[in-house]
Protein backbone atom coordinates (compact mmCIF):
# COMPACT_ATOMS: atom_id res chain seq x y z
CA MET A 1 -7.16 -24.54 25.62
CA LYS A 2 -8.38 -24.72 22.03
CA LYS A 3 -7.39 -21.74 19.91
CA LYS A 4 -10.13 -19.55 18.46
CA LYS A 5 -10.36 -19.74 14.69
CA LEU A 6 -9.48 -16.67 12.61
CA LEU A 7 -10.07 -16.51 8.84
CA ARG A 8 -8.04 -13.82 7.05
CA ILE A 9 -9.45 -13.06 3.60
CA THR A 10 -8.19 -11.12 0.58
CA THR A 11 -9.48 -11.22 -2.98
CA ALA A 12 -6.28 -12.75 -4.39
CA ASP A 13 -3.37 -14.65 -2.85
CA ILE A 14 -0.97 -11.90 -3.98
CA SER A 15 -2.38 -9.69 -1.22
CA LEU A 16 -2.10 -12.43 1.41
CA ASN A 17 1.46 -13.04 0.27
CA GLY A 18 2.60 -9.42 0.12
CA LEU A 19 0.44 -7.31 2.42
CA LEU A 20 0.34 -9.73 5.36
CA LYS A 21 3.81 -11.25 5.18
CA GLY A 22 4.88 -12.49 8.62
CA GLN A 23 1.70 -11.29 10.32
CA LEU A 24 -0.20 -14.53 9.75
CA LYS A 25 2.62 -16.62 11.23
CA TYR A 26 2.77 -14.37 14.29
CA LEU A 27 -0.99 -14.50 14.87
CA ASN A 28 -1.04 -18.26 14.36
CA GLN A 29 0.71 -18.58 17.73
CA PHE A 30 -2.47 -17.29 19.41
CA PHE A 31 -5.25 -18.25 16.98
CA GLU A 32 -5.93 -20.97 14.46
CA VAL A 33 -5.35 -18.85 11.35
CA VAL A 34 -6.73 -19.86 7.96
CA GLY A 35 -5.89 -17.83 4.83
CA VAL A 36 -8.60 -17.50 2.18
CA ALA A 37 -8.06 -16.06 -1.32
CA ALA A 38 -8.14 -16.83 -5.02
CA ASP A 39 -5.12 -18.96 -5.89
CA THR A 40 -3.03 -17.33 -8.63
CA GLY A 41 0.05 -19.36 -7.78
CA LYS A 42 1.06 -17.85 -4.43
CA LEU A 43 -1.33 -19.62 -2.04
CA LYS A 44 0.99 -22.57 -1.42
CA THR A 45 3.85 -20.16 -0.74
CA VAL A 46 1.73 -18.39 1.88
CA SER A 47 0.82 -21.69 3.52
CA GLU A 48 4.42 -22.90 3.74
CA ARG A 49 5.97 -19.59 4.85
CA GLU A 50 3.32 -18.67 7.41
CA GLY A 51 2.63 -22.22 8.63
CA ILE A 52 -1.13 -21.91 8.15
CA ARG A 53 -3.89 -23.73 6.33
CA VAL A 54 -5.18 -22.01 3.18
CA VAL A 55 -8.38 -22.24 1.12
CA ASP A 56 -8.80 -21.33 -2.54
CA ILE A 57 -11.98 -19.33 -3.33
CA PRO A 58 -11.98 -18.04 -6.95
CA MET A 59 -12.75 -14.34 -6.33
CA HIS A 60 -12.19 -11.67 -9.00
CA ARG A 61 -11.50 -7.94 -8.75
CA GLU A 62 -13.90 -7.01 -11.55
CA ILE A 63 -17.70 -6.95 -11.14
CA SER A 64 -19.27 -10.16 -12.49
CA LEU A 65 -22.70 -11.02 -11.10
CA GLY A 66 -22.64 -14.75 -11.91
CA ALA A 67 -19.10 -15.35 -10.67
CA ASP A 68 -19.67 -13.20 -7.58
CA LEU A 69 -22.82 -15.10 -6.60
CA LYS A 70 -20.91 -18.37 -6.94
CA CYS A 71 -18.12 -17.06 -4.71
CA LEU A 72 -20.66 -15.81 -2.20
CA TRP A 73 -22.13 -19.31 -1.98
CA LEU A 74 -18.68 -20.90 -1.63
CA LEU A 75 -17.76 -18.49 1.16
CA TYR A 76 -21.05 -19.14 2.97
CA ARG A 77 -20.45 -22.89 2.81
CA LEU A 78 -16.87 -22.41 4.03
CA PHE A 79 -17.97 -20.34 7.03
CA ARG A 80 -20.68 -22.83 7.95
CA LYS A 81 -18.14 -25.65 7.79
CA GLU A 82 -15.27 -23.90 9.60
CA ARG A 83 -17.39 -21.99 12.15
CA PRO A 84 -14.75 -19.31 12.83
CA GLU A 85 -15.04 -16.86 15.71
CA ILE A 86 -13.52 -14.11 13.55
CA VAL A 87 -13.57 -13.34 9.83
CA HIS A 88 -11.22 -10.48 8.98
CA ALA A 89 -11.14 -9.21 5.39
CA ASN A 90 -9.40 -6.54 3.37
CA THR A 91 -9.29 -5.69 -0.37
CA PRO A 92 -12.64 -4.51 -1.79
CA LYS A 93 -14.20 -7.53 -3.55
CA GLY A 94 -13.03 -10.11 -1.01
CA SER A 95 -14.32 -7.93 1.82
CA LEU A 96 -17.75 -7.36 0.23
CA LEU A 97 -18.38 -11.05 -0.45
CA SER A 98 -16.95 -12.34 2.82
CA MET A 99 -18.80 -9.81 5.00
CA ILE A 100 -22.14 -10.71 3.35
CA ALA A 101 -21.44 -14.44 3.57
CA ALA A 102 -20.20 -14.19 7.17
CA LYS A 103 -23.32 -12.29 8.21
CA LEU A 104 -25.55 -14.91 6.58
CA ALA A 105 -23.51 -17.65 8.28
CA ARG A 106 -23.80 -15.84 11.62
CA VAL A 107 -20.09 -15.49 12.23
CA PRO A 108 -19.95 -13.55 15.53
CA HIS A 109 -17.08 -11.17 14.67
CA ARG A 110 -16.88 -9.79 11.13
CA LEU A 111 -14.00 -7.33 10.67
CA TYR A 112 -13.54 -5.15 7.60
CA LEU A 113 -10.16 -3.41 7.29
CA VAL A 114 -10.54 -0.48 4.89
CA THR A 115 -7.18 -0.04 3.17
CA GLY A 116 -8.35 2.31 0.42
CA LEU A 117 -11.53 3.58 -1.18
CA ARG A 118 -11.76 2.72 -4.87
CA TYR A 119 -14.68 5.07 -5.53
CA GLN A 120 -12.40 8.07 -4.97
CA GLY A 121 -10.86 7.51 -8.39
CA ALA A 122 -14.19 6.92 -10.17
CA ASN A 123 -16.98 9.11 -11.54
CA GLY A 124 -20.65 8.85 -12.45
CA TRP A 125 -22.47 5.54 -12.14
CA LEU A 126 -19.29 3.58 -11.35
CA ARG A 127 -18.59 5.83 -8.36
CA ARG A 128 -22.16 5.30 -7.09
CA ILE A 129 -21.85 1.53 -7.47
CA LEU A 130 -18.51 1.43 -5.64
CA MET A 131 -19.83 3.62 -2.82
CA THR A 132 -22.84 1.33 -2.45
CA MET A 133 -20.53 -1.67 -2.26
CA GLU A 134 -18.58 0.01 0.55
CA ARG A 135 -21.77 0.78 2.46
CA ILE A 136 -22.98 -2.82 2.13
CA THR A 137 -19.61 -4.17 3.30
CA CYS A 138 -19.61 -1.88 6.34
CA PHE A 139 -23.24 -2.73 7.13
CA CYS A 140 -22.50 -6.45 7.18
CA ALA A 141 -19.36 -6.05 9.29
CA THR A 142 -19.51 -5.96 13.08
CA LYS A 143 -16.35 -3.83 13.20
CA VAL A 144 -14.93 -1.44 10.57
CA ILE A 145 -11.23 -0.65 10.88
CA PRO A 146 -9.81 2.25 8.80
CA GLU A 147 -6.15 1.74 7.89
CA GLY A 148 -5.32 5.34 8.73
CA GLN A 149 -6.82 8.59 10.01
CA GLY A 150 -7.39 9.88 6.48
CA VAL A 151 -9.47 6.84 5.52
CA LYS A 152 -11.40 7.22 8.78
CA GLN A 153 -12.33 10.83 8.01
CA ILE A 154 -13.51 9.98 4.48
CA LEU A 155 -15.68 7.11 5.75
CA ILE A 156 -17.36 9.64 8.05
CA GLN A 157 -17.56 12.52 5.55
CA ASP A 158 -19.04 10.38 2.77
CA TYR A 159 -21.56 8.73 5.11
CA ILE A 160 -20.23 5.26 4.33
CA THR A 161 -20.86 3.99 7.87
CA ARG A 162 -21.96 5.25 11.27
CA LYS A 163 -20.18 2.48 13.16
CA PRO A 164 -17.41 3.43 15.61
CA LEU A 165 -14.09 3.64 13.80
CA GLN A 166 -10.69 3.11 15.39
CA VAL A 167 -7.31 2.95 13.68
CA ILE A 168 -5.05 0.14 14.93
CA HIS A 169 -1.81 1.46 16.47
CA ASN A 170 -0.67 4.36 14.22
CA GLY A 171 -2.11 2.93 11.02
CA ASN A 172 -0.94 0.68 8.17
CA ILE A 173 -2.01 -2.90 7.57
CA ASN A 174 1.24 -4.65 8.47
CA GLY A 175 3.77 -2.11 9.70
CA ILE A 176 7.34 -2.34 8.44
CA ASP A 177 10.24 -4.59 9.32
CA THR A 178 12.84 -1.92 10.00
CA THR A 179 15.58 -4.52 10.38
CA TYR A 180 15.01 -5.62 6.78
CA PHE A 181 14.42 -2.11 5.47
CA SER A 182 17.71 -0.64 6.62
CA PRO A 183 20.71 0.58 4.60
CA GLU A 184 22.91 -1.77 6.63
CA ALA A 185 20.85 -4.81 5.57
CA VAL A 186 21.53 -4.38 1.83
CA ASP A 187 24.32 -6.57 0.45
CA ILE A 188 25.56 -3.96 -2.03
CA SER A 189 27.01 -0.52 -1.34
CA ARG A 190 25.38 2.74 -2.40
CA GLU A 191 28.40 3.51 -4.60
CA GLN A 192 28.19 0.14 -6.38
CA MET A 193 24.47 0.48 -6.95
CA ARG A 194 24.81 3.99 -8.36
CA GLN A 195 27.54 2.76 -10.68
CA GLN A 196 25.22 0.01 -11.94
CA LEU A 197 22.56 2.65 -12.61
CA GLN A 198 25.12 4.93 -14.30
CA LEU A 199 24.62 7.72 -11.77
CA THR A 200 27.46 10.17 -11.09
CA ASP A 201 28.33 11.88 -7.82
CA GLU A 202 26.79 15.08 -9.20
CA ASP A 203 23.45 13.44 -10.01
CA PHE A 204 20.49 13.89 -7.67
CA ALA A 205 18.43 10.72 -8.01
CA PHE A 206 14.74 10.72 -7.17
CA ILE A 207 13.01 7.34 -6.98
CA PHE A 208 9.43 6.29 -7.66
CA ILE A 209 8.21 2.79 -6.76
CA GLY A 210 4.75 1.53 -7.68
CA ARG A 211 2.32 1.02 -10.53
CA ILE A 212 3.22 3.45 -13.31
CA VAL A 213 -0.31 4.72 -13.95
CA ARG A 214 -2.26 7.96 -14.11
CA ASP A 215 -3.64 7.70 -10.55
CA LYS A 216 -0.11 7.60 -9.15
CA GLY A 217 0.55 11.08 -10.60
CA MET A 218 2.84 9.74 -13.30
CA ASN A 219 1.70 12.17 -15.98
CA GLU A 220 2.68 15.07 -13.71
CA LEU A 221 6.00 13.36 -12.91
CA ALA A 222 6.72 12.90 -16.64
CA GLN A 223 6.01 16.58 -17.28
CA ALA A 224 8.21 17.58 -14.36
CA MET A 225 11.11 15.42 -15.57
CA LYS A 226 10.81 16.76 -19.12
CA LYS A 227 11.22 20.31 -17.82
CA LEU A 228 13.91 19.52 -15.24
CA GLN A 229 16.15 17.56 -17.58
CA GLU A 230 16.63 20.82 -19.46
CA SER A 231 17.06 23.21 -16.51
CA HIS A 232 18.65 20.73 -14.08
CA PRO A 233 20.46 18.02 -16.07
CA GLN A 234 21.69 16.45 -12.81
CA CYS A 235 18.05 15.48 -12.02
CA LYS A 236 17.64 11.74 -12.48
CA LEU A 237 14.72 9.40 -11.82
CA ILE A 238 14.96 5.74 -10.78
CA LEU A 239 11.65 4.27 -11.93
CA VAL A 240 10.63 0.95 -10.32
CA GLY A 241 7.37 -0.70 -11.31
CA ARG A 242 5.13 -1.83 -14.15
CA PHE A 243 3.12 0.08 -16.72
CA GLU A 244 -0.55 -0.86 -17.03
CA THR A 245 -1.03 0.28 -20.61
CA GLU A 246 -4.33 -1.54 -21.15
CA LEU A 247 -5.98 -0.72 -17.80
CA ASP A 248 -4.72 2.78 -17.00
CA PRO A 249 -2.58 4.25 -19.81
CA LEU A 250 -0.54 7.41 -19.40
CA ALA A 251 -1.02 10.49 -21.57
CA ASP A 252 0.40 10.29 -25.09
CA GLY A 253 4.16 9.96 -25.16
CA ASN A 254 4.76 9.70 -21.41
CA GLU A 255 5.34 5.94 -21.33
CA ASP A 256 7.86 6.25 -24.16
CA PHE A 257 9.54 9.14 -22.34
CA PHE A 258 9.99 7.10 -19.16
CA LYS A 259 11.43 4.19 -21.14
CA GLN A 260 13.73 6.22 -23.40
CA SER A 261 14.88 9.36 -21.55
CA SER A 262 18.56 9.46 -20.64
CA ASN A 263 17.54 11.04 -17.32
CA VAL A 264 15.32 8.10 -16.33
CA ARG A 265 16.55 4.72 -15.12
CA PHE A 266 13.56 2.45 -15.75
CA VAL A 267 14.25 -0.92 -14.08
CA GLY A 268 10.78 -2.53 -14.17
CA TYR A 269 9.25 -4.46 -11.28
CA GLN A 270 11.70 -5.49 -8.55
CA SER A 271 10.99 -7.98 -5.77
CA ASP A 272 13.65 -6.29 -3.62
CA VAL A 273 13.50 -2.51 -3.84
CA ARG A 274 16.08 -1.82 -1.12
CA PRO A 275 19.15 -1.52 -3.42
CA TYR A 276 17.31 1.09 -5.51
CA LEU A 277 16.26 3.05 -2.42
CA LEU A 278 19.86 2.89 -1.25
CA ALA A 279 21.04 4.43 -4.55
CA ALA A 280 18.47 7.24 -4.43
CA ASP A 281 18.58 10.64 -2.75
CA ALA A 282 14.83 11.13 -2.22
CA LEU A 283 11.45 9.52 -2.89
CA VAL A 284 8.97 11.27 -5.17
CA PHE A 285 5.40 9.99 -4.83
CA PRO A 286 2.80 12.29 -6.47
CA SER A 287 -0.17 9.90 -6.12
CA TYR A 288 -3.80 11.05 -6.33
CA ARG A 289 -5.14 8.63 -3.69
CA GLU A 290 -3.85 5.99 -1.29
CA GLY A 291 -4.89 4.06 1.77
CA PHE A 292 -1.60 3.95 3.63
CA PRO A 293 1.31 3.59 1.18
CA ASN A 294 4.03 1.08 2.13
CA VAL A 295 6.58 2.66 -0.19
CA VAL A 296 6.67 5.87 1.86
CA LEU A 297 7.34 3.80 4.99
CA GLN A 298 10.04 1.83 3.17
CA ALA A 299 11.76 4.96 1.89
CA GLY A 300 11.74 6.52 5.35
CA ALA A 301 13.19 3.39 6.92
CA MET A 302 15.98 3.55 4.32
CA LYS A 303 16.73 7.14 5.46
CA LEU A 304 15.21 8.90 2.45
CA PRO A 305 13.21 12.14 2.67
CA SER A 306 10.08 12.19 0.51
CA ILE A 307 8.00 14.43 -1.70
CA VAL A 308 4.38 13.27 -1.30
CA THR A 309 0.94 14.64 -2.06
CA ASP A 310 -1.55 15.78 0.56
CA ILE A 311 -3.62 12.58 0.56
CA ASN A 312 -4.55 9.77 2.94
CA GLY A 313 -1.61 7.97 4.50
CA CYS A 314 1.07 10.14 2.91
CA ASN A 315 0.15 13.14 5.07
CA GLU A 316 0.21 10.90 8.16
CA ILE A 317 3.67 9.44 7.52
CA ILE A 318 5.32 12.65 6.33
CA GLN A 319 5.56 15.69 8.60
CA ASN A 320 5.99 18.66 6.31
CA SER A 321 9.57 19.99 6.27
CA THR A 322 10.60 17.45 8.93
CA ASN A 323 11.05 14.16 7.05
CA GLY A 324 9.79 15.34 3.69
CA VAL A 325 7.57 17.80 1.85
CA ILE A 326 3.82 17.65 1.21
CA ILE A 327 2.43 19.17 -2.00
CA PRO A 328 -1.07 19.36 -3.53
CA PRO A 329 -2.05 16.42 -5.76
CA ARG A 330 -2.35 16.91 -9.55
CA ASP A 331 -0.16 20.03 -9.34
CA LYS A 332 2.75 19.89 -11.79
CA GLU A 333 4.23 23.25 -10.78
CA SER A 334 4.27 22.38 -7.06
CA LEU A 335 5.97 19.09 -7.92
CA ILE A 336 8.63 20.82 -10.03
CA ASN A 337 9.30 23.43 -7.33
CA ALA A 338 9.62 20.77 -4.64
CA MET A 339 12.06 18.75 -6.73
CA ILE A 340 14.15 21.87 -7.42
CA THR A 341 14.19 22.70 -3.70
CA PHE A 342 15.46 19.19 -2.94
CA MET A 343 18.26 19.50 -5.50
CA GLU A 344 19.31 22.99 -4.46
CA SER A 345 19.08 22.65 -0.66
CA PRO A 346 21.59 19.96 0.38
CA GLU A 347 21.64 20.96 4.07
CA LYS A 348 17.86 20.90 4.30
CA ILE A 349 17.74 17.48 2.63
CA LYS A 350 20.43 16.19 4.98
CA ASN A 351 18.38 17.30 8.01
CA MET A 352 15.17 15.71 6.68
CA ALA A 353 17.02 12.49 5.88
CA ALA A 354 18.29 12.37 9.47
CA GLN A 355 14.69 12.49 10.73
CA ALA A 356 13.27 10.00 8.23
CA ARG A 357 14.17 6.67 9.85
CA PRO A 358 13.51 7.60 13.52
CA LEU A 359 9.97 8.74 12.65
CA ILE A 360 9.27 5.36 11.03
CA THR A 361 10.85 3.15 13.70
CA SER A 362 9.01 4.97 16.50
CA ARG A 363 5.55 4.72 14.91
CA TYR A 364 5.31 1.84 12.44
CA GLU A 365 7.53 -0.99 13.68
CA GLN A 366 6.01 -4.24 12.41
CA ARG A 367 5.95 -6.15 15.70
CA ASP A 368 4.14 -3.26 17.40
CA VAL A 369 1.42 -3.32 14.71
CA TRP A 370 1.04 -7.12 15.05
CA GLU A 371 0.78 -6.91 18.83
CA ALA A 372 -1.85 -4.15 18.66
CA LEU A 373 -3.84 -6.30 16.23
CA ARG A 374 -3.61 -9.34 18.53
CA LYS A 375 -4.88 -7.28 21.48
CA MET A 376 -7.76 -5.99 19.39
CA TYR A 377 -8.80 -9.56 18.49
CA GLU A 378 -8.64 -10.63 22.12
CA SER A 379 -10.79 -7.66 23.18
CA LEU A 380 -13.70 -8.72 20.96
């Protein structure tokens, strides 16, 4: 029997390559999967690794009326030519354009996976524009899928859509490969990695992984580290990620502090974060907003307890005082107190670390997420 055609769409190929790794290959066993995104150099990699056909549509994250209308036309033509049964999109711009184009092309099943809500970090006219974009995307979709329970509640509270909303499995776009994210799978020992990072046995090493920007709570983390390096010199921070100085700069002096402090190990962007998680004692993730953060799943799978803020996704993965601690966002004092508690309560940290991996493997195993997604497609 001929397979039904499924088009998976993200704004840029980086999202297809990173967010949906392995999932497209799995689904291609049951559907004819076609990946659609702007080609920034990763689209061929996606095609070869996942064994699927790919199409380059030059979409852009920023708002540009002329370019967006052109992309809308290209997507409409693509859908009319391919005649897919399902168009499934995530990432804001790609979802907006593809849901409008798919509705115009009369694609029967138009799925919008809401992985995060950009308007939450905006104010004034930009916030209103972004909220309107979300409402249009949801209106044009036949099914809206929130990535987690927190996103679901905000879609309801902010009157973004009245359509039925159901989270797939326990949330998260792709689950986590707990075989790969395992201390036993890393080809370097914890002791060797800590030596490379110049960490002593007495040091307590927190780790942050992600974009080093204001919205990730990095100003609060800089302030916390400045205070703790004086009162608790054993407090160290492994900092993994990139600064976005032009787009989202930190407060004055904080970028220099992260790059120059003797208590911070800034290692830049890393394609494999597992050795750094292995060297750490706990994750610190003081973000202002998320959809469903992969890094908290990854840290848990690597047996690390976490300090997270009480925001979407984080407060679904972390059970307070079980596998980590939940604090208010934008609260420097709560962050400092939580970090001190972690450093001064070794038995408590040991107990939380023991719970970290089982809670991830039981709820977010990658194959379980893929299978739940396949069943959802087949139920349409």
